[in-house]
């Protein structure tokens, strides 16, 4: 179906009148609306700073912790989960190949329930919800566990081809964390793509620092006002034991007990941010203070259809209305939420003004500002409790966290519609539209 045909057919319909419709266009991307799919609830771990408290906790164990808490919060028995959809980017543990299956088994799901790994880099957490919604729509599940998990501190240093040996005196090693941040297709690290956005829209260093300062302020306020308290599960040293399986031991660095707060969130000043050197270009606008932090963490939610919600007497926090993904020129990677959000709006007949809250992942301050400019967003509706500049961006967990955060905040602020979105390394964007059903 061509984009023009799609617009003529569906753009004037109200959100409630839509049954499930899908769309694809080489020029615009892919999108789908859902019929009676719900985000029941969820939980996440606190996000640990790089080489901090969670540094030695594997992404598998972080995922188990978040998944167990999410099902408990949702009021769902693990044995009633039909599928597990898991996201992880960096293979940072010895059981990386088994990660989705191990998370499902140690979270208590039935042995016969299958697990699936999805990966769309920075939107992988969103992709767990999108895939779950599509699997439910296809009749392959009623209730799905979705989890995104990442330990960036444990990203390995690897030697590709070591089995074939090395030239004398020339062993070659790669830092896989750096490789994750370096887009070889664009020809430079992703931070440079945000500098390109800054140049395109004449975004200044001062604007970037002001945006970052707002992110820190809002995150500190959210922490102090316990806004995140009900979505964060404490992390402790523990042992996961499931009958018939080898126990898994989890040890928290320094013997910390009840680790419950995002570790990177801190007070700062605009003056302190202004003193930091640029990191990608001598005459650029981006610094360590106005870009997303490298952190470790996991987030999980439960997604279900109407029948499951009614039969299990669940209390969903939002309806999953629609999703969209698209690609753009990798050199302007950070602007990809713009066409993804526009496609969502076109698909549902809504306008920017109809959306009460936006969550756009703060990969880089300049890229979020660029999205603000192109979409005409009001910053008072954007990342109202701070974002990844203050909290950090644990790649595969971010989309799941953003979805949970916006769904909860929509209830708090009595907002009907919210959109969560992220840019994706390599030049992609994904967005999900949620509806508050608790008005």
Protein backbone atom coordinates (compact mmCIF):
# COMPACT_ATOMS: atom_id res chain seq x y z
CA UNK A 1 0.00 0.00 0.00
CA UNK A 2 1.50 3.33 -1.03
CA UNK A 3 1.84 6.15 1.45
CA UNK A 4 -0.64 8.37 -0.37
CA UNK A 5 -3.25 5.61 -0.42
CA UNK A 6 -2.72 5.01 3.28
CA UNK A 7 -3.27 8.66 4.11
CA UNK A 8 -6.47 8.86 2.11
CA UNK A 9 -7.85 5.67 3.66
CA UNK A 10 -7.06 6.07 7.33
CA UNK A 11 -5.85 9.47 8.43
CA UNK A 12 -9.33 10.88 9.17
CA UNK A 13 -10.51 8.00 11.36
CA UNK A 14 -10.60 8.43 15.12
CA UNK A 15 -8.32 6.37 17.28
CA UNK A 16 -11.21 4.37 18.77
CA UNK A 17 -12.65 3.44 15.38
CA UNK A 18 -9.48 1.70 14.23
CA UNK A 19 -9.19 -2.05 14.26
CA UNK A 20 -5.79 -3.56 13.63
CA UNK A 21 -4.33 -2.13 10.43
CA UNK A 22 -0.81 -2.48 9.13
CA UNK A 23 1.15 -0.34 6.70
CA UNK A 24 4.46 -0.42 4.92
CA UNK A 25 6.11 1.96 2.50
CA UNK A 26 9.67 2.11 1.22
CA UNK A 27 9.54 5.90 1.57
CA UNK A 28 7.81 6.14 4.98
CA UNK A 29 8.53 2.99 6.97
CA UNK A 30 6.33 0.43 8.71
CA UNK A 31 3.44 0.89 11.11
CA UNK A 32 0.54 -0.93 12.71
CA UNK A 33 -2.45 -0.16 14.92
CA UNK A 34 -3.61 -2.67 17.52
CA UNK A 35 -7.03 -3.72 18.73
CA UNK A 36 -7.40 -4.17 22.49
CA UNK A 37 -3.76 -4.72 23.43
CA UNK A 38 -2.77 -3.48 26.89
CA UNK A 39 0.35 -2.67 28.84
CA UNK A 40 -0.64 -4.22 32.16
CA UNK A 41 2.22 -2.93 34.31
CA UNK A 42 5.94 -3.32 34.81
CA UNK A 43 9.03 -2.73 36.90
CA UNK A 44 12.68 -1.98 36.36
CA UNK A 45 15.93 -2.13 38.20
CA UNK A 46 17.61 1.10 39.19
CA UNK A 47 20.18 2.06 36.57
CA UNK A 48 23.74 1.62 37.82
CA UNK A 49 26.46 3.95 36.62
CA UNK A 50 29.26 2.69 34.39
CA UNK A 51 31.47 0.32 36.42
CA UNK A 52 29.27 1.05 39.42
CA UNK A 53 27.03 -0.95 41.75
CA UNK A 54 25.55 -3.24 39.07
CA UNK A 55 28.77 -3.63 37.10
CA UNK A 56 29.23 -7.32 37.92
CA UNK A 57 25.58 -8.35 37.59
CA UNK A 58 25.04 -10.10 34.27
CA UNK A 59 22.35 -8.83 31.88
CA UNK A 60 20.63 -12.19 32.33
CA UNK A 61 20.36 -11.69 36.09
CA UNK A 62 19.24 -8.08 35.70
CA UNK A 63 16.53 -9.34 33.35
CA UNK A 64 15.41 -12.00 35.82
CA UNK A 65 15.13 -9.41 38.59
CA UNK A 66 13.07 -6.98 36.47
CA UNK A 67 10.89 -9.74 34.99
CA UNK A 68 9.98 -11.26 38.34
CA UNK A 69 9.09 -7.83 39.70
CA UNK A 70 7.08 -6.89 36.59
CA UNK A 71 4.88 -9.98 36.79
CA UNK A 72 4.31 -9.49 40.50
CA UNK A 73 3.42 -5.83 39.92
CA UNK A 74 1.04 -6.80 37.13
CA UNK A 75 -0.67 -9.44 39.23
CA UNK A 76 0.18 -12.16 36.71
CA UNK A 77 1.23 -15.67 37.65
CA UNK A 78 4.45 -16.52 35.74
CA UNK A 79 2.88 -19.86 34.79
CA UNK A 80 0.16 -17.93 32.89
CA UNK A 81 2.64 -16.18 30.56
CA UNK A 82 2.37 -17.48 26.97
CA UNK A 83 5.60 -16.07 25.52
CA UNK A 84 8.71 -14.20 26.60
CA UNK A 85 10.07 -11.50 24.28
CA UNK A 86 13.51 -10.34 25.44
CA UNK A 87 15.92 -7.68 24.16
CA UNK A 88 19.66 -7.40 24.70
CA UNK A 89 22.33 -5.68 22.60
CA UNK A 90 25.76 -6.33 24.10
CA UNK A 91 26.59 -9.98 24.71
CA UNK A 92 28.09 -9.40 28.11
CA UNK A 93 27.91 -12.74 29.88
CA UNK A 94 28.93 -16.33 29.34
CA UNK A 95 25.32 -17.39 28.83
CA UNK A 96 24.60 -14.61 26.31
CA UNK A 97 23.37 -17.07 23.68
CA UNK A 98 20.85 -18.44 26.17
CA UNK A 99 19.87 -15.08 27.70
CA UNK A 100 16.16 -14.96 26.69
CA UNK A 101 15.58 -18.57 27.66
CA UNK A 102 17.42 -18.25 30.97
CA UNK A 103 15.49 -15.10 31.89
CA UNK A 104 12.20 -16.87 31.16
CA UNK A 105 13.11 -20.03 33.08
CA UNK A 106 14.46 -18.27 36.17
CA UNK A 107 11.58 -15.78 36.14
CA UNK A 108 9.36 -18.81 36.68
CA UNK A 109 7.68 -19.25 33.29
CA UNK A 110 6.46 -22.71 32.31
CA UNK A 111 9.17 -24.86 30.74
CA UNK A 112 7.11 -25.28 27.56
CA UNK A 113 6.81 -21.51 26.96
CA UNK A 114 9.15 -20.29 24.19
CA UNK A 115 11.44 -17.26 24.44
CA UNK A 116 12.50 -14.89 21.67
CA UNK A 117 15.34 -12.38 21.38
CA UNK A 118 14.66 -9.16 19.44
CA UNK A 119 17.17 -6.49 18.49
CA UNK A 120 16.65 -3.05 17.00
CA UNK A 121 19.57 -1.50 18.88
CA UNK A 122 18.36 1.50 20.93
CA UNK A 123 14.69 0.68 20.23
CA UNK A 124 14.98 -2.97 21.22
CA UNK A 125 12.98 -2.40 24.40
CA UNK A 126 10.17 -0.93 22.30
CA UNK A 127 10.49 -3.88 19.96
CA UNK A 128 9.68 -6.31 22.79
CA UNK A 129 6.31 -4.58 23.24
CA UNK A 130 5.71 -4.30 19.49
CA UNK A 131 6.53 -7.97 18.90
CA UNK A 132 4.40 -9.03 21.85
CA UNK A 133 1.46 -6.99 20.55
CA UNK A 134 1.82 -8.53 17.11
CA UNK A 135 2.12 -12.07 18.48
CA UNK A 136 -1.05 -11.49 20.50
CA UNK A 137 -2.80 -10.04 17.45
CA UNK A 138 -1.84 -13.16 15.48
CA UNK A 139 -3.43 -15.36 18.13
CA UNK A 140 -0.10 -16.83 19.25
CA UNK A 141 -0.39 -15.52 22.82
CA UNK A 142 -2.74 -13.81 25.25
CA UNK A 143 -0.22 -12.64 27.85
CA UNK A 144 3.44 -11.86 27.13
CA UNK A 145 6.44 -10.98 29.27
CA UNK A 146 8.57 -8.24 27.68
CA UNK A 147 12.04 -7.43 28.99
CA UNK A 148 14.98 -5.32 27.89
CA UNK A 149 18.28 -5.82 29.69
CA UNK A 150 21.80 -4.47 29.39
CA UNK A 151 25.09 -4.46 31.26
CA UNK A 152 27.39 -2.03 29.46
CA UNK A 153 30.08 -2.25 32.12
CA UNK A 154 30.58 -5.93 31.24
CA UNK A 155 30.95 -5.27 27.51
CA UNK A 156 33.88 -7.49 26.50
CA UNK A 157 37.14 -6.87 24.71
CA UNK A 158 37.27 -9.45 21.93
CA UNK A 159 39.64 -10.83 19.35
CA UNK A 160 37.84 -11.81 16.16
CA UNK A 161 39.51 -14.64 14.28
CA UNK A 162 41.78 -15.65 17.12
CA UNK A 163 41.17 -19.32 16.26
CA UNK A 164 43.07 -18.77 13.03
CA UNK A 165 46.02 -17.23 14.85
CA UNK A 166 47.74 -13.84 14.60
CA UNK A 167 50.49 -12.38 12.46
CA UNK A 168 53.64 -12.29 14.56
CA UNK A 169 53.45 -9.49 17.08
CA UNK A 170 50.08 -8.24 15.81
CA UNK A 171 47.20 -9.53 17.94
CA UNK A 172 44.06 -7.47 17.27
CA UNK A 173 41.45 -6.73 19.92
CA UNK A 174 38.20 -4.75 19.79
CA UNK A 175 36.40 -2.92 22.60
CA UNK A 176 32.81 -3.99 21.96
CA UNK A 177 31.39 -1.07 23.91
CA UNK A 178 33.18 1.37 21.64
CA UNK A 179 32.12 -0.63 18.59
CA UNK A 180 28.51 -0.24 19.74
CA UNK A 181 28.91 3.54 19.65
CA UNK A 182 30.77 3.73 16.33
CA UNK A 183 28.65 3.57 13.16
CA UNK A 184 31.05 2.48 10.45
CA UNK A 185 28.36 2.99 7.78
CA UNK A 186 28.12 6.68 8.59
CA UNK A 187 31.89 6.78 8.91
CA UNK A 188 32.12 8.08 12.47
CA UNK A 189 30.78 7.57 16.01
CA UNK A 190 27.11 8.29 16.56
CA UNK A 191 27.95 11.41 18.54
CA UNK A 192 29.10 13.02 15.32
CA UNK A 193 25.65 12.43 13.83
CA UNK A 194 24.22 14.55 16.64
CA UNK A 195 26.79 17.24 15.83
CA UNK A 196 25.41 17.10 12.27
CA UNK A 197 21.92 17.72 13.66
CA UNK A 198 23.27 20.69 15.62
CA UNK A 199 24.75 22.18 12.48
CA UNK A 200 21.56 21.57 10.48
CA UNK A 201 19.40 23.44 12.99
CA UNK A 202 22.00 25.94 14.30
CA UNK A 203 21.77 24.44 17.79
CA UNK A 204 24.28 26.04 20.16
CA UNK A 205 26.37 24.64 22.99
CA UNK A 206 24.39 26.78 25.42
CA UNK A 207 21.10 25.26 24.22
CA UNK A 208 22.52 21.76 24.67
CA UNK A 209 23.75 22.52 28.18
CA UNK A 210 20.40 24.09 29.09
CA UNK A 211 18.57 21.00 27.86
CA UNK A 212 20.91 18.77 29.88
CA UNK A 213 20.48 20.93 32.97
CA UNK A 214 16.70 20.54 32.65
CA UNK A 215 17.10 16.76 32.37
CA UNK A 216 19.16 16.66 35.57
CA UNK A 217 16.79 19.00 37.38
CA UNK A 218 13.72 16.98 36.43
CA UNK A 219 15.37 13.67 37.28
CA UNK A 220 16.51 14.91 40.69
CA UNK A 221 13.01 16.26 41.37
CA UNK A 222 11.45 12.95 40.29
CA UNK A 223 13.80 11.09 42.63
CA UNK A 224 13.14 13.44 45.53
CA UNK A 225 9.38 13.26 44.96
CA UNK A 226 9.54 9.44 44.78
CA UNK A 227 7.96 9.49 41.31
CA UNK A 228 10.05 6.51 40.24
CA UNK A 229 9.63 4.61 43.50
CA UNK A 230 6.73 2.46 42.25
CA UNK A 231 8.54 1.39 39.09
CA UNK A 232 11.93 0.47 40.61
CA UNK A 233 12.50 -2.88 42.30
CA UNK A 234 15.32 -3.14 44.83
CA UNK A 235 18.39 -5.11 43.75
CA UNK A 236 20.20 -7.26 46.30
CA UNK A 237 22.67 -10.10 46.36
CA UNK A 238 20.59 -13.24 46.04
CA UNK A 239 20.36 -16.77 44.66
CA UNK A 240 17.80 -17.70 42.00
CA UNK A 241 16.66 -21.26 42.51
CA UNK A 242 14.31 -23.14 40.17
CA UNK A 243 13.71 -26.87 40.60
CA UNK A 244 15.76 -28.88 38.13
CA UNK A 245 18.05 -25.96 37.22
CA UNK A 246 21.49 -24.98 38.47
CA UNK A 247 21.12 -22.08 40.96
CA UNK A 248 22.24 -18.60 39.86
CA UNK A 249 24.11 -16.44 42.38
CA UNK A 250 23.89 -12.66 42.15
CA UNK A 251 26.39 -10.52 44.03
CA UNK A 252 26.12 -6.74 44.31
CA UNK A 253 29.39 -4.79 44.44
CA UNK A 254 30.50 -3.59 47.86
CA UNK A 255 27.82 -5.52 49.71
CA UNK A 256 25.24 -2.83 48.90
CA UNK A 257 21.75 -3.70 50.15
CA UNK A 258 18.46 -2.52 48.68
CA UNK A 259 19.99 -0.70 45.74
CA UNK A 260 16.96 1.35 44.64
CA UNK A 261 18.06 4.67 43.10
CA UNK A 262 19.35 5.53 39.63
CA UNK A 263 23.03 5.92 40.34
CA UNK A 264 23.94 8.55 37.76
CA UNK A 265 21.23 11.08 38.70
CA UNK A 266 22.84 13.98 40.54
CA UNK A 267 22.68 17.68 41.21
CA UNK A 268 24.57 19.91 38.79
CA UNK A 269 24.65 23.52 37.62
CA UNK A 270 24.60 25.18 34.25
CA UNK A 271 28.03 26.62 35.08
CA UNK A 272 29.48 23.16 35.74
CA UNK A 273 28.07 21.83 32.48
CA UNK A 274 29.50 24.80 30.58
CA UNK A 275 33.04 23.99 31.78
CA UNK A 276 33.13 20.50 30.28
CA UNK A 277 35.17 19.99 27.10
CA UNK A 278 33.52 18.87 23.88
CA UNK A 279 33.97 15.19 23.08
CA UNK A 280 33.32 14.77 19.36
CA UNK A 281 34.55 18.01 17.80
CA UNK A 282 36.77 20.82 19.00
CA UNK A 283 34.16 23.31 17.83
CA UNK A 284 31.18 21.10 18.59
CA UNK A 285 28.35 21.33 21.11
CA UNK A 286 28.34 17.91 22.77
CA UNK A 287 30.05 17.02 26.04
CA UNK A 288 29.98 14.20 28.55
CA UNK A 289 27.45 16.29 30.47
CA UNK A 290 24.88 16.79 27.73
CA UNK A 291 24.84 13.28 26.24
CA UNK A 292 23.27 10.09 27.57
CA UNK A 293 25.13 8.22 30.28
CA UNK A 294 26.50 4.69 29.94
CA UNK A 295 24.68 2.59 32.56
CA UNK A 296 23.55 -0.92 33.47
CA UNK A 297 19.96 -1.98 34.06
CA UNK A 298 16.84 -3.81 33.00
CA UNK A 299 13.14 -3.04 32.56
CA UNK A 300 10.21 -5.40 32.04
CA UNK A 301 6.48 -5.12 31.38
CA UNK A 302 3.55 -7.45 30.81
CA UNK A 303 1.44 -7.05 27.67
CA UNK A 304 -1.96 -8.74 27.32
CA UNK A 305 -5.15 -8.76 25.27
CA UNK A 306 -8.63 -7.86 26.46
CA UNK A 307 -9.68 -11.44 27.16
CA UNK A 308 -6.63 -12.05 29.33
CA UNK A 309 -7.17 -8.79 31.20
CA UNK A 310 -10.79 -9.68 31.92
CA UNK A 311 -10.23 -13.32 32.81
CA UNK A 312 -7.29 -12.57 35.11
CA UNK A 313 -9.01 -9.44 36.52
CA UNK A 314 -5.96 -7.30 35.70
CA UNK A 315 -5.75 -3.53 35.91
CA UNK A 316 -3.81 -2.27 32.87
CA UNK A 317 -2.12 1.10 33.00
CA UNK A 318 -2.37 1.84 29.24
CA UNK A 319 -3.58 0.63 25.87
CA UNK A 320 -0.96 0.00 23.20
CA UNK A 321 -2.55 1.89 20.29
CA UNK A 322 0.00 1.83 17.46
CA UNK A 323 3.69 1.60 16.60
CA UNK A 324 5.93 2.74 13.77
CA UNK A 325 9.55 2.30 12.67
CA UNK A 326 11.47 3.93 9.87
CA UNK A 327 14.95 4.64 8.53
CA UNK A 328 16.75 7.86 7.66
CA UNK A 329 20.22 8.96 6.51
CA UNK A 330 22.64 7.58 9.15
CA UNK A 331 24.47 10.90 9.17
CA UNK A 332 21.42 12.46 10.89
CA UNK A 333 20.53 9.42 12.97
CA UNK A 334 19.15 11.40 15.91
CA UNK A 335 16.28 12.91 13.92
CA UNK A 336 14.69 9.52 13.17
CA UNK A 337 11.99 9.87 15.87
CA UNK A 338 10.51 12.65 13.73
CA UNK A 339 9.30 10.51 10.78
CA UNK A 340 8.38 7.65 13.13
CA UNK A 341 6.16 9.94 15.21
CA UNK A 342 4.69 11.57 12.12
CA UNK A 343 3.79 8.15 10.74
CA UNK A 344 2.09 7.24 14.03
CA UNK A 345 0.04 10.42 13.90
CA UNK A 346 -0.87 9.88 10.28
CA UNK A 347 -1.85 6.28 11.01
CA UNK A 348 -4.23 7.25 13.80
CA UNK A 349 -5.53 10.60 12.57
CA UNK A 350 -4.11 12.40 15.60
CA UNK A 351 -2.11 15.63 15.68
CA UNK A 352 0.88 16.70 17.74
CA UNK A 353 -1.48 18.85 19.81
CA UNK A 354 -3.51 15.76 20.76
CA UNK A 355 -0.52 14.14 22.46
CA UNK A 356 -0.28 15.11 26.12
CA UNK A 357 3.16 13.64 26.83
CA UNK A 358 6.23 12.69 24.82
CA UNK A 359 9.21 10.60 25.85
CA UNK A 360 12.07 10.85 23.35
CA UNK A 361 15.22 9.09 24.42
CA UNK A 362 17.95 11.59 25.22
CA UNK A 363 20.76 9.93 23.32
CA UNK A 364 22.30 13.36 22.70
CA UNK A 365 20.95 16.75 23.70
CA UNK A 366 21.33 18.16 20.19
CA UNK A 367 19.32 15.35 18.61
CA UNK A 368 16.38 15.76 20.99
CA UNK A 369 16.41 19.51 20.42
CA UNK A 370 16.42 18.82 16.67
CA UNK A 371 13.35 16.59 17.10
CA UNK A 372 11.67 19.30 19.16
CA UNK A 373 12.25 21.81 16.37
CA UNK A 374 11.05 19.59 13.54
CA UNK A 375 7.95 18.35 15.37
CA UNK A 376 7.12 21.67 17.01
CA UNK A 377 7.05 20.15 20.49
CA UNK A 378 6.38 21.99 23.72
CA UNK A 379 9.19 21.09 26.14
CA UNK A 380 6.76 21.14 29.05
CA UNK A 381 5.31 17.91 27.59
CA UNK A 382 8.66 16.27 26.80
CA UNK A 383 10.60 14.01 29.19
CA UNK A 384 8.85 15.63 32.12
CA UNK A 385 10.75 13.58 34.72
CA UNK A 386 14.12 13.82 33.04
CA UNK A 387 15.76 11.40 30.67
CA UNK A 388 18.83 9.49 29.63
CA UNK A 389 21.20 12.45 29.97
CA UNK A 390 20.60 12.29 33.71
CA UNK A 391 19.50 8.67 34.19
CA UNK A 392 21.52 6.90 31.52
CA UNK A 393 20.71 4.81 28.45
CA UNK A 394 21.06 1.03 28.99
CA UNK A 395 20.55 0.25 25.31
CA UNK A 396 18.06 -2.63 25.23
CA UNK A 397 16.26 -1.56 28.42
CA UNK A 398 15.55 2.03 27.41
CA UNK A 399 12.47 1.47 25.26
CA UNK A 400 10.82 -0.72 27.88
CA UNK A 401 11.61 1.85 30.57
CA UNK A 402 10.27 4.75 28.49
CA UNK A 403 7.04 2.85 27.81
CA UNK A 404 6.50 2.09 31.50
CA UNK A 405 7.42 5.63 32.56
CA UNK A 406 5.10 7.37 30.12
CA UNK A 407 2.17 5.05 30.85
CA UNK A 408 2.45 5.77 34.58
CA UNK A 409 2.89 9.51 34.06
CA UNK A 410 -0.14 9.68 31.77
CA UNK A 411 -2.25 8.40 34.66
CA UNK A 412 -0.68 10.85 37.10
CA UNK A 413 -1.29 13.83 34.83
CA UNK A 414 -4.63 12.63 33.48
CA UNK A 415 -3.32 12.71 29.92
CA UNK A 416 -5.15 10.70 27.24
CA UNK A 417 -2.37 10.05 24.71
CA UNK A 418 1.38 9.70 25.01
CA UNK A 419 4.14 8.79 22.55
CA UNK A 420 7.47 7.20 23.46
CA UNK A 421 10.23 7.15 20.85
CA UNK A 422 13.94 6.74 20.27
CA UNK A 423 16.53 7.23 17.59
CA UNK A 424 18.52 4.13 16.67
CA UNK A 425 22.15 3.70 15.70
CA UNK A 426 22.58 3.38 11.97
CA UNK A 427 19.73 5.78 11.21
CA UNK A 428 16.40 4.33 12.38
CA UNK A 429 13.56 5.50 14.60
CA UNK A 430 10.76 3.76 16.48
CA UNK A 431 7.72 5.17 18.26
CA UNK A 432 4.76 3.74 20.19
CA UNK A 433 1.45 5.48 20.89
CA UNK A 434 -0.19 4.74 24.24
CA UNK A 435 -3.68 5.62 25.47
CA UNK A 436 -4.62 6.25 29.08
CA UNK A 437 -7.61 3.99 29.83
CA UNK A 438 -7.88 5.19 33.43
CA UNK A 439 -9.49 8.57 32.76
